[in-house]
Amino acid sequence: MRIIVLRTGDILPSAAKSGEQFFDLIRKTAGDTWSYDWESVDVRPPDAVLPEPKSAAGFIITGSSSSVAARAETPWILRAEEYVRRIVDAEVPLLGICFGHQLVGQALGGEVAKNPRGREIGTVRLEVLRDDPMLAGQPRAFDVQVTHSDSVVRLPPGATLHASTELEPNTIFSVGPYVRCVQHHPEMDESVIRGYVQARYDLIASEGLDAAKILASVRPAPENSQTLRNFVRSFCAARAS
């Protein structure tokens, strides 16, 4: 069995460590929770070959600098949404991270738009609203690493909200027994997020935010990675066993 990481974007070169990409960070973060194979599939090329959903123990969709809100002008996003629906229909575990969170939300009937509360970037506090296996062992509030300006402004039908931050009310949600979505980046540590803040420092300031304060507040978030590890352990490993 394998976990397939659907590549929808690339890490900013200035934030990457030794050229690491989302796939590398996800696999490293999962660590010993998964002892089988990993595969990376880039969904963006028009000739991309997408595996049959039931050939995997689970799927993880990466972050991206692309915008789901611009899907009408971006054919690969529409193809990826259709593939998401195939995965959901096959009842295979699916985790969407950041852009992936938004892609799944839109594909299943929600709505993605610019976050009306503004850009969320840096290390922020997350509040758990409702328990879930993906949040097992987590405190009711913990720090997470984030970088996004789009948001799932309307959850898809049947979704359950699990956690929020000050600027993102729909940080973690689920749809049914197999679909989990997180707006934060459980695969990123403080050094990667610091690189994002530094790379977008002028843009952050141009939006009226205190870029210096955001950069200074980036800090380790020990519980940040646990949502990804819990997803792999509770959903993918359980399917593979």
C-alpha atoms as a PDB file:
ATOM      1  CA  MET A   1       0.000   0.000   0.000  1.00  0.00           C
ATOM      2  CA  ARG A   2       1.092   3.568  -0.574  1.00  0.00           C
ATOM      3  CA  ILE A   3       0.226   7.106   0.370  1.00  0.00           C
ATOM      4  CA  ILE A   4       0.010   9.338  -2.682  1.00  0.00           C
ATOM      5  CA  VAL A   5       0.916  13.003  -2.256  1.00  0.00           C
ATOM      6  CA  LEU A   6      -0.820  15.120  -4.895  1.00  0.00           C
ATOM      7  CA  ARG A   7       1.539  17.944  -5.779  1.00  0.00           C
ATOM      8  CA  THR A   8      -0.278  21.186  -6.550  1.00  0.00           C
ATOM      9  CA  GLY A   9       2.564  23.648  -5.961  1.00  0.00           C
ATOM     10  CA  ASP A  10       6.119  24.201  -4.836  1.00  0.00           C
ATOM     11  CA  ILE A  11       7.691  25.632  -1.705  1.00  0.00           C
ATOM     12  CA  LEU A  12       9.236  29.078  -2.104  1.00  0.00           C
ATOM     13  CA  PRO A  13      12.905  28.500  -2.952  1.00  0.00           C
ATOM     14  CA  SER A  14      14.012  30.957  -0.267  1.00  0.00           C
ATOM     15  CA  ALA A  15      12.031  29.032   2.362  1.00  0.00           C
ATOM     16  CA  ALA A  16      13.022  25.507   1.346  1.00  0.00           C
ATOM     17  CA  LYS A  17      15.795  23.675   3.166  1.00  0.00           C
ATOM     18  CA  SER A  18      18.288  22.210   0.713  1.00  0.00           C
ATOM     19  CA  GLY A  19      15.661  22.117  -2.021  1.00  0.00           C
ATOM     20  CA  GLU A  20      13.062  20.213   0.007  1.00  0.00           C
ATOM     21  CA  GLN A  21       9.547  20.236  -1.414  1.00  0.00           C
ATOM     22  CA  PHE A  22       6.136  19.581   0.136  1.00  0.00           C
ATOM     23  CA  PHE A  23       6.488  15.847  -0.518  1.00  0.00           C
ATOM     24  CA  ASP A  24       9.770  15.697   1.406  1.00  0.00           C
ATOM     25  CA  LEU A  25       8.390  17.636   4.367  1.00  0.00           C
ATOM     26  CA  ILE A  26       5.191  15.574   4.509  1.00  0.00           C
ATOM     27  CA  ARG A  27       7.062  12.283   4.406  1.00  0.00           C
ATOM     28  CA  LYS A  28       9.561  13.459   7.039  1.00  0.00           C
ATOM     29  CA  THR A  29       6.787  14.738   9.308  1.00  0.00           C
ATOM     30  CA  ALA A  30       4.852  11.476   9.068  1.00  0.00           C
ATOM     31  CA  GLY A  31       7.978   9.634  10.184  1.00  0.00           C
ATOM     32  CA  ASP A  32       7.364   6.268  11.773  1.00  0.00           C
ATOM     33  CA  THR A  33       3.577   6.508  11.488  1.00  0.00           C
ATOM     34  CA  TRP A  34       3.878   5.026   7.973  1.00  0.00           C
ATOM     35  CA  SER A  35       6.114   2.083   7.090  1.00  0.00           C
ATOM     36  CA  TYR A  36       4.912   1.475   3.525  1.00  0.00           C
ATOM     37  CA  ASP A  37       5.513   3.292   0.237  1.00  0.00           C
ATOM     38  CA  TRP A  38       5.135   6.929  -0.701  1.00  0.00           C
ATOM     39  CA  GLU A  39       4.479   8.385  -4.149  1.00  0.00           C
ATOM     40  CA  SER A  40       4.329  11.945  -5.452  1.00  0.00           C
ATOM     41  CA  VAL A  41       2.003  12.774  -8.355  1.00  0.00           C
ATOM     42  CA  ASP A  42       1.984  16.258  -9.886  1.00  0.00           C
ATOM     43  CA  VAL A  43      -1.607  17.028 -10.884  1.00  0.00           C
ATOM     44  CA  ARG A  44      -0.790  20.198 -12.839  1.00  0.00           C
ATOM     45  CA  PRO A  45       0.440  18.896 -16.241  1.00  0.00           C
ATOM     46  CA  PRO A  46      -2.405  18.384 -18.739  1.00  0.00           C
ATOM     47  CA  ASP A  47      -1.162  14.852 -19.422  1.00  0.00           C
ATOM     48  CA  ALA A  48      -0.800  13.904 -15.747  1.00  0.00           C
ATOM     49  CA  VAL A  49      -1.681  10.251 -15.099  1.00  0.00           C
ATOM     50  CA  LEU A  50      -3.794  10.084 -11.945  1.00  0.00           C
ATOM     51  CA  PRO A  51      -3.834   6.710 -10.148  1.00  0.00           C
ATOM     52  CA  GLU A  52      -7.016   4.821  -9.463  1.00  0.00           C
ATOM     53  CA  PRO A  53      -8.153   6.043  -6.033  1.00  0.00           C
ATOM     54  CA  LYS A  54      -8.454   2.567  -4.525  1.00  0.00           C
ATOM     55  CA  SER A  55      -4.824   1.825  -5.379  1.00  0.00           C
ATOM     56  CA  ALA A  56      -3.773   3.976  -2.404  1.00  0.00           C
ATOM     57  CA  ALA A  57      -4.176   3.789   1.358  1.00  0.00           C
ATOM     58  CA  GLY A  58      -4.654   7.538   1.373  1.00  0.00           C
ATOM     59  CA  PHE A  59      -4.072  10.816  -0.414  1.00  0.00           C
ATOM     60  CA  ILE A  60      -2.570  14.093   0.794  1.00  0.00           C
ATOM     61  CA  ILE A  61      -2.965  17.290  -1.255  1.00  0.00           C
ATOM     62  CA  THR A  62      -0.193  19.863  -0.852  1.00  0.00           C
ATOM     63  CA  GLY A  63      -0.155  23.610  -0.577  1.00  0.00           C
ATOM     64  CA  SER A  64       0.263  25.881  -3.582  1.00  0.00           C
ATOM     65  CA  SER A  65       0.693  29.517  -4.545  1.00  0.00           C
ATOM     66  CA  SER A  66      -2.202  29.038  -6.992  1.00  0.00           C
ATOM     67  CA  SER A  67      -5.691  30.169  -6.068  1.00  0.00           C
ATOM     68  CA  VAL A  68      -8.724  27.898  -6.067  1.00  0.00           C
ATOM     69  CA  ALA A  69     -10.778  31.072  -6.488  1.00  0.00           C
ATOM     70  CA  ALA A  70      -9.228  31.413  -9.980  1.00  0.00           C
ATOM     71  CA  ARG A  71     -10.283  27.902 -10.966  1.00  0.00           C
ATOM     72  CA  ALA A  72     -12.269  29.034 -14.032  1.00  0.00           C
ATOM     73  CA  GLU A  73      -9.024  30.250 -15.633  1.00  0.00           C
ATOM     74  CA  THR A  74      -6.957  27.310 -14.382  1.00  0.00           C
ATOM     75  CA  PRO A  75      -7.915  24.022 -16.094  1.00  0.00           C
ATOM     76  CA  TRP A  76      -5.726  21.810 -13.906  1.00  0.00           C
ATOM     77  CA  ILE A  77      -7.609  22.953 -10.790  1.00  0.00           C
ATOM     78  CA  LEU A  78     -10.911  21.862 -12.331  1.00  0.00           C
ATOM     79  CA  ARG A  79      -9.361  18.471 -13.220  1.00  0.00           C
ATOM     80  CA  ALA A  80      -8.026  18.165  -9.669  1.00  0.00           C
ATOM     81  CA  GLU A  81     -11.471  18.919  -8.231  1.00  0.00           C
ATOM     82  CA  GLU A  82     -12.975  16.123 -10.292  1.00  0.00           C
ATOM     83  CA  TYR A  83     -10.253  13.770  -9.060  1.00  0.00           C
ATOM     84  CA  VAL A  84     -11.036  14.789  -5.464  1.00  0.00           C
ATOM     85  CA  ARG A  85     -14.637  13.751  -6.009  1.00  0.00           C
ATOM     86  CA  ARG A  86     -13.464  10.388  -7.371  1.00  0.00           C
ATOM     87  CA  ILE A  87     -11.332   9.820  -4.261  1.00  0.00           C
ATOM     88  CA  VAL A  88     -14.245  10.738  -2.001  1.00  0.00           C
ATOM     89  CA  ASP A  89     -16.632   8.445  -3.903  1.00  0.00           C
ATOM     90  CA  ALA A  90     -14.090   5.607  -3.514  1.00  0.00           C
ATOM     91  CA  GLU A  91     -14.059   6.184   0.277  1.00  0.00           C
ATOM     92  CA  VAL A  92     -10.273   6.491   0.421  1.00  0.00           C
ATOM     93  CA  PRO A  93      -8.776   8.693   3.184  1.00  0.00           C
ATOM     94  CA  LEU A  94      -7.985  12.193   1.938  1.00  0.00           C
ATOM     95  CA  LEU A  95      -6.159  15.054   3.654  1.00  0.00           C
ATOM     96  CA  GLY A  96      -6.083  18.541   2.157  1.00  0.00           C
ATOM     97  CA  ILE A  97      -3.392  20.937   3.412  1.00  0.00           C
ATOM     98  CA  CYS A  98      -3.763  24.733   2.885  1.00  0.00           C
ATOM     99  CA  PHE A  99      -4.472  24.965  -0.886  1.00  0.00           C
ATOM    100  CA  GLY A 100      -5.485  21.301  -0.652  1.00  0.00           C
ATOM    101  CA  HIS A 101      -7.922  22.215   2.133  1.00  0.00           C
ATOM    102  CA  GLN A 102      -9.462  24.834  -0.155  1.00  0.00           C
ATOM    103  CA  LEU A 103      -9.465  22.558  -3.205  1.00  0.00           C
ATOM    104  CA  VAL A 104     -11.393  19.874  -1.334  1.00  0.00           C
ATOM    105  CA  GLY A 105     -13.789  22.426   0.131  1.00  0.00           C
ATOM    106  CA  GLN A 106     -14.601  23.830  -3.313  1.00  0.00           C
ATOM    107  CA  ALA A 107     -14.778  20.409  -4.988  1.00  0.00           C
ATOM    108  CA  LEU A 108     -17.340  19.176  -2.468  1.00  0.00           C
ATOM    109  CA  GLY A 109     -19.657  22.171  -2.753  1.00  0.00           C
ATOM    110  CA  GLY A 110     -18.131  24.835  -0.506  1.00  0.00           C
ATOM    111  CA  GLU A 111     -16.858  28.249  -1.544  1.00  0.00           C
ATOM    112  CA  VAL A 112     -13.321  29.655  -1.653  1.00  0.00           C
ATOM    113  CA  ALA A 113     -12.528  33.375  -1.778  1.00  0.00           C
ATOM    114  CA  LYS A 114     -10.032  35.887  -0.456  1.00  0.00           C
ATOM    115  CA  ASN A 115     -10.100  35.749   3.319  1.00  0.00           C
ATOM    116  CA  PRO A 116     -12.225  38.763   4.328  1.00  0.00           C
ATOM    117  CA  ARG A 117     -10.161  39.007   7.535  1.00  0.00           C
ATOM    118  CA  GLY A 118      -6.941  39.397   5.561  1.00  0.00           C
ATOM    119  CA  ARG A 119      -3.761  37.377   5.075  1.00  0.00           C
ATOM    120  CA  GLU A 120      -2.884  34.853   7.777  1.00  0.00           C
ATOM    121  CA  ILE A 121       0.836  34.135   8.000  1.00  0.00           C
ATOM    122  CA  GLY A 122       3.271  33.148  10.732  1.00  0.00           C
ATOM    123  CA  THR A 123       2.694  31.231  13.942  1.00  0.00           C
ATOM    124  CA  VAL A 124      -0.864  31.533  15.292  1.00  0.00           C
ATOM    125  CA  ARG A 125      -3.011  29.984  17.998  1.00  0.00           C
ATOM    126  CA  LEU A 126      -5.585  27.364  17.050  1.00  0.00           C
ATOM    127  CA  GLU A 127      -8.654  26.584  19.173  1.00  0.00           C
ATOM    128  CA  VAL A 128     -10.135  23.081  19.051  1.00  0.00           C
ATOM    129  CA  LEU A 129     -13.939  23.182  18.843  1.00  0.00           C
ATOM    130  CA  ARG A 130     -14.820  19.525  18.330  1.00  0.00           C
ATOM    131  CA  ASP A 131     -12.871  16.306  18.851  1.00  0.00           C
ATOM    132  CA  ASP A 132     -11.684  14.109  15.998  1.00  0.00           C
ATOM    133  CA  PRO A 133      -9.193  11.237  15.617  1.00  0.00           C
ATOM    134  CA  MET A 134      -6.924  13.653  13.751  1.00  0.00           C
ATOM    135  CA  LEU A 135      -6.779  15.788  16.911  1.00  0.00           C
ATOM    136  CA  ALA A 136      -6.167  12.897  19.295  1.00  0.00           C
ATOM    137  CA  GLY A 137      -3.791  13.779  22.098  1.00  0.00           C
ATOM    138  CA  GLN A 138      -3.847  17.480  21.257  1.00  0.00           C
ATOM    139  CA  PRO A 139      -4.567  20.221  23.799  1.00  0.00           C
ATOM    140  CA  ARG A 140      -7.661  22.384  23.355  1.00  0.00           C
ATOM    141  CA  ALA A 141      -5.439  25.187  22.043  1.00  0.00           C
ATOM    142  CA  PHE A 142      -2.042  24.980  20.369  1.00  0.00           C
ATOM    143  CA  ASP A 143       0.207  26.875  17.953  1.00  0.00           C
ATOM    144  CA  VAL A 144       0.245  26.155  14.219  1.00  0.00           C
ATOM    145  CA  GLN A 145       2.212  27.441  11.211  1.00  0.00           C
ATOM    146  CA  VAL A 146       0.203  29.192   8.503  1.00  0.00           C
ATOM    147  CA  THR A 147       0.563  31.087   5.247  1.00  0.00           C
ATOM    148  CA  HIS A 148      -2.488  31.830   3.088  1.00  0.00           C
ATOM    149  CA  SER A 149      -4.705  34.627   1.806  1.00  0.00           C
ATOM    150  CA  ASP A 150      -7.598  32.551   0.431  1.00  0.00           C
ATOM    151  CA  SER A 151     -10.137  30.863   2.686  1.00  0.00           C
ATOM    152  CA  VAL A 152     -12.972  28.361   2.616  1.00  0.00           C
ATOM    153  CA  VAL A 153     -15.578  31.027   3.326  1.00  0.00           C
ATOM    154  CA  ARG A 154     -18.444  28.529   3.138  1.00  0.00           C
ATOM    155  CA  LEU A 155     -18.012  24.918   4.197  1.00  0.00           C
ATOM    156  CA  PRO A 156     -19.254  22.156   1.900  1.00  0.00           C
ATOM    157  CA  PRO A 157     -22.595  20.495   2.729  1.00  0.00           C
ATOM    158  CA  GLY A 158     -22.308  17.973   5.532  1.00  0.00           C
ATOM    159  CA  ALA A 159     -18.953  19.299   6.770  1.00  0.00           C
ATOM    160  CA  THR A 160     -18.094  19.306  10.472  1.00  0.00           C
ATOM    161  CA  LEU A 161     -15.976  22.142  11.852  1.00  0.00           C
ATOM    162  CA  HIS A 162     -13.234  21.078  14.271  1.00  0.00           C
ATOM    163  CA  ALA A 163     -10.942  24.070  14.861  1.00  0.00           C
ATOM    164  CA  SER A 164     -10.520  27.799  14.241  1.00  0.00           C
ATOM    165  CA  THR A 165      -7.953  30.571  14.544  1.00  0.00           C
ATOM    166  CA  GLU A 166      -8.542  34.278  15.039  1.00  0.00           C
ATOM    167  CA  LEU A 167      -8.396  35.013  11.303  1.00  0.00           C
ATOM    168  CA  GLU A 168      -9.592  31.659   9.934  1.00  0.00           C
ATOM    169  CA  PRO A 169     -12.839  30.290  11.362  1.00  0.00           C
ATOM    170  CA  ASN A 170     -12.693  27.148   9.172  1.00  0.00           C
ATOM    171  CA  THR A 171      -9.147  26.001   9.956  1.00  0.00           C
ATOM    172  CA  ILE A 172      -9.937  22.289  10.321  1.00  0.00           C
ATOM    173  CA  PHE A 173     -13.017  20.532   8.982  1.00  0.00           C
ATOM    174  CA  SER A 174     -14.076  17.041   8.016  1.00  0.00           C
ATOM    175  CA  VAL A 175     -16.548  15.639   5.516  1.00  0.00           C
ATOM    176  CA  GLY A 176     -17.786  12.168   6.317  1.00  0.00           C
ATOM    177  CA  PRO A 177     -15.550   9.474   7.785  1.00  0.00           C
ATOM    178  CA  TYR A 178     -12.558   9.759   5.426  1.00  0.00           C
ATOM    179  CA  VAL A 179     -12.017  13.411   4.427  1.00  0.00           C
ATOM    180  CA  ARG A 180      -9.998  15.784   6.610  1.00  0.00           C
ATOM    181  CA  CYS A 181      -8.857  19.310   5.728  1.00  0.00           C
ATOM    182  CA  VAL A 182      -6.430  21.641   7.534  1.00  0.00           C
ATOM    183  CA  GLN A 183      -5.717  25.232   6.585  1.00  0.00           C
ATOM    184  CA  HIS A 184      -2.449  25.278   8.552  1.00  0.00           C
ATOM    185  CA  HIS A 185       0.777  23.581   7.429  1.00  0.00           C
ATOM    186  CA  PRO A 186       1.513  20.630   9.744  1.00  0.00           C
ATOM    187  CA  GLU A 187       4.527  19.723   7.600  1.00  0.00           C
ATOM    188  CA  MET A 188       6.279  23.088   8.117  1.00  0.00           C
ATOM    189  CA  ASP A 189       8.426  24.114  11.048  1.00  0.00           C
ATOM    190  CA  GLU A 190       9.249  27.625  12.210  1.00  0.00           C
ATOM    191  CA  SER A 191      12.263  27.998   9.924  1.00  0.00           C
ATOM    192  CA  VAL A 192      10.185  27.361   6.796  1.00  0.00           C
ATOM    193  CA  ILE A 193       7.438  29.731   7.928  1.00  0.00           C
ATOM    194  CA  ARG A 194      10.044  32.348   8.808  1.00  0.00           C
ATOM    195  CA  GLY A 195      11.329  32.027   5.255  1.00  0.00           C
ATOM    196  CA  TYR A 196       7.817  32.678   3.916  1.00  0.00           C
ATOM    197  CA  VAL A 197       7.383  35.773   6.073  1.00  0.00           C
ATOM    198  CA  GLN A 198      10.773  37.105   5.002  1.00  0.00           C
ATOM    199  CA  ALA A 199      10.051  36.443   1.321  1.00  0.00           C
ATOM    200  CA  ARG A 200       6.688  38.218   1.529  1.00  0.00           C
ATOM    201  CA  TYR A 201       7.721  40.902   3.987  1.00  0.00           C
ATOM    202  CA  ASP A 202       7.058  43.858   1.664  1.00  0.00           C
ATOM    203  CA  LEU A 203       3.758  42.376   0.464  1.00  0.00           C
ATOM    204  CA  ILE A 204       2.629  41.838   4.058  1.00  0.00           C
ATOM    205  CA  ALA A 205       3.510  45.439   4.927  1.00  0.00           C
ATOM    206  CA  SER A 206       1.735  46.747   1.804  1.00  0.00           C
ATOM    207  CA  GLU A 207      -1.461  45.103   3.055  1.00  0.00           C
ATOM    208  CA  GLY A 208      -1.309  47.160   6.242  1.00  0.00           C
ATOM    209  CA  LEU A 209      -0.029  44.358   8.458  1.00  0.00           C
ATOM    210  CA  ASP A 210       2.865  44.657  10.899  1.00  0.00           C
ATOM    211  CA  ALA A 211       5.389  42.506   9.076  1.00  0.00           C
ATOM    212  CA  ALA A 212       8.096  43.029  11.694  1.00  0.00           C
ATOM    213  CA  LYS A 213       5.771  41.886  14.482  1.00  0.00           C
ATOM    214  CA  ILE A 214       4.648  38.839  12.495  1.00  0.00           C
ATOM    215  CA  LEU A 215       8.247  37.860  11.777  1.00  0.00           C
ATOM    216  CA  ALA A 216       9.277  38.330  15.410  1.00  0.00           C
ATOM    217  CA  SER A 217       6.356  36.176  16.582  1.00  0.00           C
ATOM    218  CA  VAL A 218       7.326  33.122  14.485  1.00  0.00           C
ATOM    219  CA  ARG A 219       8.184  30.407  16.993  1.00  0.00           C
ATOM    220  CA  PRO A 220       8.378  26.640  17.397  1.00  0.00           C
ATOM    221  CA  ALA A 221       4.977  24.918  17.449  1.00  0.00           C
ATOM    222  CA  PRO A 222       5.550  21.452  18.939  1.00  0.00           C
ATOM    223  CA  GLU A 223       1.971  20.267  18.368  1.00  0.00           C
ATOM    224  CA  ASN A 224       1.752  21.586  14.796  1.00  0.00           C
ATOM    225  CA  SER A 225       2.831  18.333  13.124  1.00  0.00           C
ATOM    226  CA  GLN A 226       0.554  16.055  15.119  1.00  0.00           C
ATOM    227  CA  THR A 227      -2.513  16.513  12.905  1.00  0.00           C
ATOM    228  CA  LEU A 228      -0.610  15.074   9.931  1.00  0.00           C
ATOM    229  CA  ARG A 229       0.813  12.224  11.983  1.00  0.00           C
ATOM    230  CA  ASN A 230      -2.628  11.428  13.395  1.00  0.00           C
ATOM    231  CA  PHE A 231      -4.148  11.394   9.908  1.00  0.00           C
ATOM    232  CA  VAL A 232      -1.559   8.926   8.659  1.00  0.00           C
ATOM    233  CA  ARG A 233      -1.846   6.742  11.759  1.00  0.00           C
ATOM    234  CA  SER A 234      -5.633   6.779  12.229  1.00  0.00           C
ATOM    235  CA  PHE A 235      -6.778   6.761   8.605  1.00  0.00           C
ATOM    236  CA  CYS A 236      -4.057   5.506   6.225  1.00  0.00           C
ATOM    237  CA  ALA A 237      -2.302   2.962   8.453  1.00  0.00           C
ATOM    238  CA  ALA A 238      -5.663   1.642   9.636  1.00  0.00           C
ATOM    239  CA  ARG A 239      -6.670   1.057   5.993  1.00  0.00           C
ATOM    240  CA  ALA A 240      -3.380  -0.636   5.172  1.00  0.00           C
ATOM    241  CA  SER A 241      -3.454  -3.027   8.132  1.00  0.00           C
END
